[in-house]
């Protein structure tokens, strides 16, 4: 997910310091949520074997469902970031999201 490993002496208050047998051995700096979204999108493109913008509509809808489950749209500018990666408008992403939330047959 893009975490950075540092020496424990470089740890800042938000970093996670890991200890072994009572001694600090490494610090882990977790990325900002927006950076994590970029990593998730890149991983999804690798999994599909092509840029997300090249996927068909059904596959793009599946990507949006997966990203929704992972909380991607709680990140500031998440919809815009995903729309750009998918090569669609924000409106289209919202339609994909609303389609998942509406009862069947509507």
N, C-alpha and C. Protein backbone atom coordinates (compact mmCIF):
# COMPACT_ATOMS: atom_id res chain seq x y z
N UNK A 1 0.81 -1.19 0.00
CA UNK A 1 0.00 0.00 0.00
C UNK A 1 0.86 1.26 0.00
N UNK A 2 2.13 1.14 -0.20
CA UNK A 2 2.97 2.31 -0.31
C UNK A 2 3.57 2.80 0.99
N UNK A 3 3.63 1.96 2.01
CA UNK A 3 4.25 2.36 3.27
C UNK A 3 5.75 2.52 3.08
N UNK A 4 6.35 3.34 3.93
CA UNK A 4 7.79 3.59 3.87
C UNK A 4 8.42 3.05 5.15
N UNK A 5 9.53 2.33 5.01
CA UNK A 5 10.25 1.80 6.17
C UNK A 5 11.40 2.74 6.52
N UNK A 6 11.52 3.02 7.82
CA UNK A 6 12.53 3.96 8.30
C UNK A 6 13.22 3.38 9.53
N UNK A 7 14.36 3.94 9.87
CA UNK A 7 14.99 3.61 11.13
C UNK A 7 14.13 4.14 12.27
N UNK A 8 14.12 3.47 13.41
CA UNK A 8 13.26 3.92 14.52
C UNK A 8 13.59 5.33 15.00
N UNK A 9 14.82 5.77 14.82
CA UNK A 9 15.19 7.12 15.24
C UNK A 9 14.57 8.20 14.36
N UNK A 10 14.08 7.81 13.18
CA UNK A 10 13.44 8.75 12.26
C UNK A 10 11.93 8.82 12.44
N UNK A 11 11.38 8.04 13.35
CA UNK A 11 9.93 7.95 13.53
C UNK A 11 9.34 9.29 13.95
N UNK A 12 8.22 9.60 13.36
CA UNK A 12 7.43 10.76 13.74
C UNK A 12 6.22 10.27 14.53
N UNK A 13 5.49 11.18 15.17
CA UNK A 13 4.38 10.74 16.03
C UNK A 13 3.33 9.85 15.35
N UNK A 14 3.07 10.04 14.06
CA UNK A 14 2.05 9.23 13.37
C UNK A 14 2.59 7.91 12.82
N UNK A 15 3.88 7.67 12.92
CA UNK A 15 4.48 6.44 12.41
C UNK A 15 4.25 5.30 13.39
N UNK A 16 4.33 4.08 12.87
CA UNK A 16 4.20 2.88 13.69
C UNK A 16 5.62 2.34 13.92
N UNK A 17 6.02 2.24 15.17
CA UNK A 17 7.34 1.72 15.51
C UNK A 17 7.19 0.28 15.96
N UNK A 18 7.94 -0.61 15.31
CA UNK A 18 7.88 -2.03 15.64
C UNK A 18 9.09 -2.40 16.49
N UNK A 19 8.82 -3.20 17.50
CA UNK A 19 9.88 -3.60 18.43
C UNK A 19 10.04 -5.11 18.39
N UNK A 20 11.25 -5.56 18.67
CA UNK A 20 11.58 -6.98 18.75
C UNK A 20 12.36 -7.18 20.04
N UNK A 21 11.85 -8.05 20.87
CA UNK A 21 12.47 -8.35 22.16
C UNK A 21 12.81 -7.07 22.94
N UNK A 22 11.83 -6.15 22.96
CA UNK A 22 11.96 -4.94 23.75
C UNK A 22 12.78 -3.82 23.14
N UNK A 23 13.25 -4.01 21.92
CA UNK A 23 14.08 -2.99 21.27
C UNK A 23 13.40 -2.53 19.99
N UNK A 24 13.29 -1.20 19.81
CA UNK A 24 12.72 -0.65 18.58
C UNK A 24 13.63 -1.00 17.41
N UNK A 25 13.06 -1.61 16.35
CA UNK A 25 13.89 -2.04 15.23
C UNK A 25 13.56 -1.35 13.92
N UNK A 26 12.33 -0.91 13.75
CA UNK A 26 11.96 -0.27 12.48
C UNK A 26 10.71 0.57 12.70
N UNK A 27 10.60 1.62 11.90
CA UNK A 27 9.40 2.46 11.90
C UNK A 27 8.73 2.33 10.54
N UNK A 28 7.42 2.33 10.54
CA UNK A 28 6.63 2.24 9.31
C UNK A 28 5.82 3.52 9.18
N UNK A 29 6.04 4.22 8.09
CA UNK A 29 5.26 5.44 7.80
C UNK A 29 4.20 5.07 6.78
N UNK A 30 2.96 5.13 7.21
CA UNK A 30 1.84 4.80 6.34
C UNK A 30 1.54 5.97 5.41
N UNK A 31 1.13 5.69 4.19
CA UNK A 31 0.85 6.77 3.24
C UNK A 31 -0.45 7.48 3.59
N UNK A 32 -0.63 8.65 3.04
CA UNK A 32 -1.90 9.34 3.15
C UNK A 32 -2.93 8.53 2.37
N UNK A 33 -4.19 8.65 2.74
CA UNK A 33 -5.24 7.88 2.07
C UNK A 33 -5.26 8.13 0.57
N UNK A 34 -5.03 9.37 0.15
CA UNK A 34 -5.06 9.66 -1.28
C UNK A 34 -3.94 8.92 -2.02
N UNK A 35 -2.78 8.77 -1.38
CA UNK A 35 -1.69 8.00 -1.98
C UNK A 35 -2.08 6.53 -2.08
N UNK A 36 -2.77 6.04 -1.06
CA UNK A 36 -3.21 4.65 -1.07
C UNK A 36 -4.15 4.38 -2.24
N UNK A 37 -5.03 5.34 -2.53
CA UNK A 37 -5.95 5.17 -3.65
C UNK A 37 -5.18 5.02 -4.95
N UNK A 38 -4.14 5.81 -5.14
CA UNK A 38 -3.32 5.68 -6.35
C UNK A 38 -2.69 4.29 -6.43
N UNK A 39 -2.23 3.76 -5.30
CA UNK A 39 -1.65 2.41 -5.29
C UNK A 39 -2.70 1.35 -5.61
N UNK A 40 -3.90 1.52 -5.07
CA UNK A 40 -4.99 0.57 -5.33
C UNK A 40 -5.35 0.59 -6.81
N UNK A 41 -5.45 1.78 -7.39
CA UNK A 41 -5.79 1.88 -8.82
C UNK A 41 -4.70 1.24 -9.68
N UNK A 42 -3.45 1.46 -9.34
CA UNK A 42 -2.36 0.85 -10.10
C UNK A 42 -2.40 -0.67 -9.98
N UNK A 43 -2.68 -1.17 -8.80
CA UNK A 43 -2.77 -2.62 -8.61
C UNK A 43 -3.94 -3.20 -9.40
N UNK A 44 -5.05 -2.49 -9.45
CA UNK A 44 -6.20 -2.98 -10.23
C UNK A 44 -5.89 -3.00 -11.72
N UNK A 45 -5.17 -2.00 -12.20
CA UNK A 45 -4.77 -1.98 -13.61
C UNK A 45 -3.85 -3.16 -13.91
N UNK A 46 -2.91 -3.44 -13.00
CA UNK A 46 -2.03 -4.60 -13.21
C UNK A 46 -2.84 -5.90 -13.22
N UNK A 47 -3.79 -6.01 -12.32
CA UNK A 47 -4.62 -7.22 -12.25
C UNK A 47 -5.41 -7.43 -13.54
N UNK A 48 -5.90 -6.34 -14.12
CA UNK A 48 -6.67 -6.44 -15.36
C UNK A 48 -5.77 -6.53 -16.60
N UNK A 49 -4.48 -6.21 -16.43
CA UNK A 49 -3.54 -6.30 -17.54
C UNK A 49 -3.65 -5.19 -18.55
N UNK A 50 -4.29 -4.10 -18.16
CA UNK A 50 -4.44 -2.96 -19.06
C UNK A 50 -4.84 -1.74 -18.25
N UNK A 51 -4.68 -0.56 -18.84
CA UNK A 51 -5.15 0.64 -18.14
C UNK A 51 -6.65 0.54 -17.85
N UNK A 52 -7.07 1.04 -16.72
CA UNK A 52 -8.48 0.93 -16.34
C UNK A 52 -9.38 1.65 -17.34
N UNK A 53 -8.88 2.67 -17.98
CA UNK A 53 -9.67 3.40 -18.98
C UNK A 53 -10.00 2.53 -20.19
N UNK A 54 -9.23 1.47 -20.42
CA UNK A 54 -9.45 0.60 -21.57
C UNK A 54 -10.45 -0.53 -21.29
N UNK A 55 -10.91 -0.65 -20.05
CA UNK A 55 -11.86 -1.70 -19.69
C UNK A 55 -13.23 -1.41 -20.28
N UNK A 56 -14.03 -2.46 -20.47
CA UNK A 56 -15.40 -2.24 -20.92
C UNK A 56 -16.27 -1.76 -19.75
N UNK A 57 -17.49 -1.34 -20.05
CA UNK A 57 -18.35 -0.75 -19.03
C UNK A 57 -18.61 -1.69 -17.85
N UNK A 58 -18.85 -2.94 -18.11
CA UNK A 58 -19.13 -3.90 -17.04
C UNK A 58 -17.92 -4.04 -16.11
N UNK A 59 -16.74 -4.09 -16.67
CA UNK A 59 -15.52 -4.19 -15.86
C UNK A 59 -15.31 -2.92 -15.05
N UNK A 60 -15.59 -1.76 -15.65
CA UNK A 60 -15.46 -0.50 -14.92
C UNK A 60 -16.44 -0.46 -13.74
N UNK A 61 -17.65 -0.96 -13.96
CA UNK A 61 -18.62 -1.01 -12.87
C UNK A 61 -18.11 -1.92 -11.76
N UNK A 62 -17.49 -3.01 -12.11
CA UNK A 62 -16.92 -3.92 -11.12
C UNK A 62 -15.80 -3.25 -10.34
N UNK A 63 -14.97 -2.47 -11.02
CA UNK A 63 -13.89 -1.73 -10.37
C UNK A 63 -14.49 -0.75 -9.36
N UNK A 64 -15.53 -0.05 -9.76
CA UNK A 64 -16.18 0.91 -8.86
C UNK A 64 -16.74 0.20 -7.63
N UNK A 65 -17.36 -0.95 -7.82
CA UNK A 65 -17.89 -1.73 -6.67
C UNK A 65 -16.76 -2.10 -5.72
N UNK A 66 -15.66 -2.57 -6.27
CA UNK A 66 -14.51 -2.96 -5.44
C UNK A 66 -13.96 -1.76 -4.68
N UNK A 67 -13.82 -0.64 -5.38
CA UNK A 67 -13.30 0.56 -4.74
C UNK A 67 -14.25 1.08 -3.66
N UNK A 68 -15.53 0.98 -3.90
CA UNK A 68 -16.52 1.39 -2.89
C UNK A 68 -16.37 0.54 -1.63
N UNK A 69 -16.18 -0.77 -1.81
CA UNK A 69 -16.01 -1.67 -0.67
C UNK A 69 -14.74 -1.35 0.11
N UNK A 70 -13.73 -0.82 -0.57
CA UNK A 70 -12.46 -0.47 0.08
C UNK A 70 -12.44 0.95 0.64
N UNK A 71 -13.55 1.66 0.49
CA UNK A 71 -13.63 3.01 1.05
C UNK A 71 -12.99 4.09 0.22
N UNK A 72 -12.78 3.82 -1.07
CA UNK A 72 -12.07 4.77 -1.92
C UNK A 72 -12.80 6.10 -2.06
N UNK A 73 -14.11 6.09 -1.89
CA UNK A 73 -14.86 7.31 -2.12
C UNK A 73 -15.03 8.14 -0.86
N UNK A 74 -14.41 7.69 0.22
CA UNK A 74 -14.38 8.50 1.44
C UNK A 74 -13.15 9.42 1.43
N UNK A 75 -12.25 9.19 0.49
CA UNK A 75 -11.05 10.02 0.33
C UNK A 75 -11.43 11.29 -0.41
N UNK A 76 -10.89 12.41 0.03
CA UNK A 76 -11.17 13.67 -0.66
C UNK A 76 -10.74 13.56 -2.12
N UNK A 77 -11.62 13.95 -3.00
CA UNK A 77 -11.42 13.89 -4.45
C UNK A 77 -11.34 12.44 -4.95
N UNK A 78 -11.86 11.49 -4.19
CA UNK A 78 -11.83 10.09 -4.60
C UNK A 78 -12.59 9.84 -5.89
N UNK A 79 -13.78 10.43 -6.01
CA UNK A 79 -14.58 10.23 -7.22
C UNK A 79 -13.83 10.79 -8.44
N UNK A 80 -13.25 11.97 -8.28
CA UNK A 80 -12.52 12.56 -9.40
C UNK A 80 -11.31 11.72 -9.79
N UNK A 81 -10.60 11.21 -8.80
CA UNK A 81 -9.42 10.38 -9.06
C UNK A 81 -9.81 9.10 -9.79
N UNK A 82 -10.88 8.46 -9.31
CA UNK A 82 -11.33 7.21 -9.94
C UNK A 82 -11.86 7.50 -11.34
N UNK A 83 -12.62 8.56 -11.50
CA UNK A 83 -13.14 8.90 -12.82
C UNK A 83 -12.00 9.11 -13.82
N UNK A 84 -10.97 9.80 -13.39
CA UNK A 84 -9.82 10.01 -14.27
C UNK A 84 -9.14 8.71 -14.65
N UNK A 85 -8.99 7.81 -13.68
CA UNK A 85 -8.34 6.52 -13.97
C UNK A 85 -9.19 5.67 -14.91
N UNK A 86 -10.51 5.77 -14.77
CA UNK A 86 -11.41 4.97 -15.61
C UNK A 86 -11.69 5.63 -16.97
N UNK A 87 -11.30 6.89 -17.11
CA UNK A 87 -11.58 7.59 -18.36
C UNK A 87 -13.05 7.90 -18.55
N UNK A 88 -13.75 8.16 -17.43
CA UNK A 88 -15.17 8.50 -17.47
C UNK A 88 -15.38 9.79 -16.68
N UNK A 89 -16.58 10.30 -16.71
CA UNK A 89 -16.89 11.50 -15.95
C UNK A 89 -17.24 11.15 -14.51
N UNK A 90 -17.20 12.16 -13.65
CA UNK A 90 -17.63 11.97 -12.26
C UNK A 90 -19.08 11.51 -12.25
N UNK A 91 -19.90 12.09 -13.13
CA UNK A 91 -21.30 11.72 -13.22
C UNK A 91 -21.45 10.22 -13.46
N UNK A 92 -20.62 9.67 -14.34
CA UNK A 92 -20.68 8.24 -14.63
C UNK A 92 -20.32 7.42 -13.40
N UNK A 93 -19.30 7.83 -12.67
CA UNK A 93 -18.93 7.11 -11.44
C UNK A 93 -20.10 7.15 -10.45
N UNK A 94 -20.73 8.33 -10.28
CA UNK A 94 -21.89 8.43 -9.39
C UNK A 94 -23.02 7.53 -9.88
N UNK A 95 -23.21 7.44 -11.19
CA UNK A 95 -24.24 6.53 -11.72
C UNK A 95 -23.92 5.08 -11.38
N UNK A 96 -22.67 4.69 -11.52
CA UNK A 96 -22.27 3.33 -11.16
C UNK A 96 -22.53 3.08 -9.68
N UNK A 97 -22.21 4.06 -8.84
CA UNK A 97 -22.44 3.91 -7.40
C UNK A 97 -23.93 3.84 -7.09
N UNK A 98 -24.72 4.71 -7.69
CA UNK A 98 -26.16 4.72 -7.44
C UNK A 98 -26.83 3.45 -7.95
N UNK A 99 -26.31 2.91 -9.02
CA UNK A 99 -26.86 1.67 -9.58
C UNK A 99 -26.72 0.54 -8.57
N UNK A 100 -25.61 0.53 -7.85
CA UNK A 100 -25.38 -0.51 -6.84
C UNK A 100 -26.27 -0.30 -5.63
N UNK A 101 -26.64 0.93 -5.34
CA UNK A 101 -27.44 1.21 -4.15
C UNK A 101 -28.94 1.08 -4.40
N UNK A 102 -29.38 1.16 -5.65
CA UNK A 102 -30.81 1.10 -5.92
C UNK A 102 -31.30 -0.35 -5.90
N UNK A 103 -32.57 -0.55 -5.47
CA UNK A 103 -33.13 -1.91 -5.46
C UNK A 103 -33.20 -2.47 -6.87
N UNK A 104 -33.15 -3.77 -6.97
CA UNK A 104 -33.21 -4.45 -8.28
C UNK A 104 -34.54 -4.11 -8.96
N UNK A 105 -34.47 -3.94 -10.28
CA UNK A 105 -35.66 -3.71 -11.06
C UNK A 105 -36.03 -2.23 -11.18
N UNK A 106 -35.29 -1.34 -10.55
CA UNK A 106 -35.60 0.08 -10.70
C UNK A 106 -34.71 0.71 -11.74
